[in-house]
Amino acid sequence: MQKTVESTRTNRVSVCIELLIRERNKGKSLRQLGQMVGRSHEAVRQVLAKYSP
């Protein structure tokens, strides 16, 4: 059961990161992205810095 929960969480996070990268490439600001996902623009910036190619 624990493994299923962890994989679901991982899949959801990766989808969210893909969404952030895609929307950022379309030209949305960090503040707009933060409002979309309910995080601060600084948290969004850190995620994009870590995962964006």
N, C-alpha and C. Protein backbone atom coordinates (compact mmCIF):
# COMPACT_ATOMS: atom_id res chain seq x y z
N MET A 1 0.82 -1.20 0.00
CA MET A 1 0.00 0.00 0.00
C MET A 1 0.87 1.26 0.00
N GLN A 2 1.90 1.27 0.81
CA GLN A 2 2.77 2.44 0.90
C GLN A 2 3.42 2.73 -0.44
N LYS A 3 3.84 1.68 -1.14
CA LYS A 3 4.49 1.86 -2.43
C LYS A 3 3.53 2.52 -3.43
N THR A 4 2.26 2.11 -3.41
CA THR A 4 1.26 2.69 -4.30
C THR A 4 1.06 4.16 -4.02
N VAL A 5 0.99 4.53 -2.76
CA VAL A 5 0.81 5.93 -2.38
C VAL A 5 2.01 6.75 -2.84
N GLU A 6 3.21 6.23 -2.66
CA GLU A 6 4.41 6.97 -3.07
C GLU A 6 4.47 7.14 -4.57
N SER A 7 4.11 6.10 -5.33
CA SER A 7 4.16 6.23 -6.79
C SER A 7 3.09 7.18 -7.28
N THR A 8 1.92 7.19 -6.64
CA THR A 8 0.88 8.14 -7.02
C THR A 8 1.34 9.56 -6.75
N ARG A 9 1.96 9.78 -5.61
CA ARG A 9 2.46 11.10 -5.27
C ARG A 9 3.53 11.54 -6.26
N THR A 10 4.42 10.64 -6.62
CA THR A 10 5.48 10.95 -7.58
C THR A 10 4.90 11.30 -8.93
N ASN A 11 3.93 10.52 -9.40
CA ASN A 11 3.31 10.79 -10.69
C ASN A 11 2.62 12.14 -10.70
N ARG A 12 1.92 12.47 -9.62
CA ARG A 12 1.21 13.74 -9.55
C ARG A 12 2.20 14.90 -9.54
N VAL A 13 3.29 14.77 -8.82
CA VAL A 13 4.29 15.83 -8.76
C VAL A 13 4.92 16.03 -10.13
N SER A 14 5.26 14.93 -10.80
CA SER A 14 5.90 15.08 -12.11
C SER A 14 4.96 15.73 -13.12
N VAL A 15 3.67 15.43 -13.03
CA VAL A 15 2.69 16.07 -13.92
C VAL A 15 2.63 17.56 -13.63
N CYS A 16 2.67 17.93 -12.36
CA CYS A 16 2.64 19.35 -11.98
C CYS A 16 3.88 20.07 -12.49
N ILE A 17 5.03 19.43 -12.39
CA ILE A 17 6.27 20.04 -12.87
C ILE A 17 6.22 20.21 -14.38
N GLU A 18 5.72 19.19 -15.08
CA GLU A 18 5.58 19.29 -16.54
C GLU A 18 4.66 20.45 -16.91
N LEU A 19 3.57 20.60 -16.16
CA LEU A 19 2.64 21.70 -16.41
C LEU A 19 3.33 23.05 -16.20
N LEU A 20 4.09 23.18 -15.11
CA LEU A 20 4.80 24.43 -14.85
C LEU A 20 5.77 24.76 -15.97
N ILE A 21 6.54 23.77 -16.41
CA ILE A 21 7.52 24.00 -17.48
C ILE A 21 6.81 24.40 -18.76
N ARG A 22 5.73 23.70 -19.10
CA ARG A 22 5.00 23.98 -20.34
C ARG A 22 4.41 25.39 -20.32
N GLU A 23 3.78 25.76 -19.20
CA GLU A 23 3.16 27.09 -19.10
C GLU A 23 4.21 28.19 -19.06
N ARG A 24 5.35 27.93 -18.43
CA ARG A 24 6.43 28.93 -18.39
C ARG A 24 6.96 29.17 -19.80
N ASN A 25 7.08 28.09 -20.59
CA ASN A 25 7.54 28.23 -21.97
C ASN A 25 6.55 28.99 -22.83
N LYS A 26 5.28 28.97 -22.45
CA LYS A 26 4.26 29.74 -23.17
C LYS A 26 4.33 31.22 -22.83
N GLY A 27 5.06 31.57 -21.76
CA GLY A 27 5.26 32.97 -21.43
C GLY A 27 4.58 33.44 -20.16
N LYS A 28 4.04 32.52 -19.36
CA LYS A 28 3.41 32.94 -18.10
C LYS A 28 4.47 33.36 -17.10
N SER A 29 4.11 34.32 -16.26
CA SER A 29 5.05 34.80 -15.25
C SER A 29 5.09 33.82 -14.07
N LEU A 30 6.12 33.96 -13.24
CA LEU A 30 6.23 33.11 -12.06
C LEU A 30 5.06 33.34 -11.11
N ARG A 31 4.61 34.57 -11.01
CA ARG A 31 3.47 34.86 -10.13
C ARG A 31 2.20 34.19 -10.63
N GLN A 32 1.98 34.22 -11.96
CA GLN A 32 0.81 33.55 -12.52
C GLN A 32 0.87 32.04 -12.27
N LEU A 33 2.05 31.47 -12.45
CA LEU A 33 2.21 30.04 -12.20
C LEU A 33 1.98 29.71 -10.73
N GLY A 34 2.47 30.56 -9.85
CA GLY A 34 2.26 30.35 -8.42
C GLY A 34 0.80 30.37 -8.05
N GLN A 35 0.04 31.28 -8.66
CA GLN A 35 -1.40 31.33 -8.40
C GLN A 35 -2.10 30.08 -8.92
N MET A 36 -1.63 29.55 -10.05
CA MET A 36 -2.23 28.35 -10.63
C MET A 36 -2.10 27.15 -9.69
N VAL A 37 -0.93 26.99 -9.09
CA VAL A 37 -0.66 25.79 -8.28
C VAL A 37 -0.74 26.05 -6.78
N GLY A 38 -1.03 27.27 -6.38
CA GLY A 38 -1.19 27.57 -4.96
C GLY A 38 0.12 27.62 -4.18
N ARG A 39 1.19 28.05 -4.84
CA ARG A 39 2.49 28.19 -4.19
C ARG A 39 3.00 29.61 -4.44
N SER A 40 4.03 30.00 -3.70
CA SER A 40 4.63 31.31 -3.93
C SER A 40 5.44 31.29 -5.22
N HIS A 41 5.64 32.47 -5.79
CA HIS A 41 6.42 32.54 -7.02
C HIS A 41 7.86 32.09 -6.78
N GLU A 42 8.35 32.29 -5.56
CA GLU A 42 9.71 31.86 -5.23
C GLU A 42 9.81 30.34 -5.22
N ALA A 43 8.80 29.67 -4.69
CA ALA A 43 8.79 28.20 -4.69
C ALA A 43 8.72 27.68 -6.12
N VAL A 44 7.93 28.33 -6.96
CA VAL A 44 7.83 27.93 -8.37
C VAL A 44 9.18 28.12 -9.05
N ARG A 45 9.85 29.23 -8.76
CA ARG A 45 11.15 29.49 -9.37
C ARG A 45 12.15 28.41 -8.99
N GLN A 46 12.14 28.00 -7.72
CA GLN A 46 13.07 26.97 -7.27
C GLN A 46 12.79 25.63 -7.93
N VAL A 47 11.51 25.28 -8.09
CA VAL A 47 11.16 24.02 -8.76
C VAL A 47 11.61 24.06 -10.21
N LEU A 48 11.35 25.17 -10.88
CA LEU A 48 11.75 25.28 -12.29
C LEU A 48 13.27 25.24 -12.43
N ALA A 49 13.98 25.86 -11.50
CA ALA A 49 15.44 25.84 -11.56
C ALA A 49 15.98 24.42 -11.40
N LYS A 50 15.29 23.63 -10.59
CA LYS A 50 15.75 22.27 -10.33
C LYS A 50 15.41 21.32 -11.48
N TYR A 51 14.22 21.44 -12.05
CA TYR A 51 13.74 20.44 -13.01
C TYR A 51 13.71 20.89 -14.46
N SER A 52 13.78 22.17 -14.71
CA SER A 52 13.70 22.65 -16.09
C SER A 52 15.01 22.35 -16.82
N PRO A 53 14.92 21.90 -18.08
CA PRO A 53 16.15 21.57 -18.82
C PRO A 53 16.96 22.79 -19.19
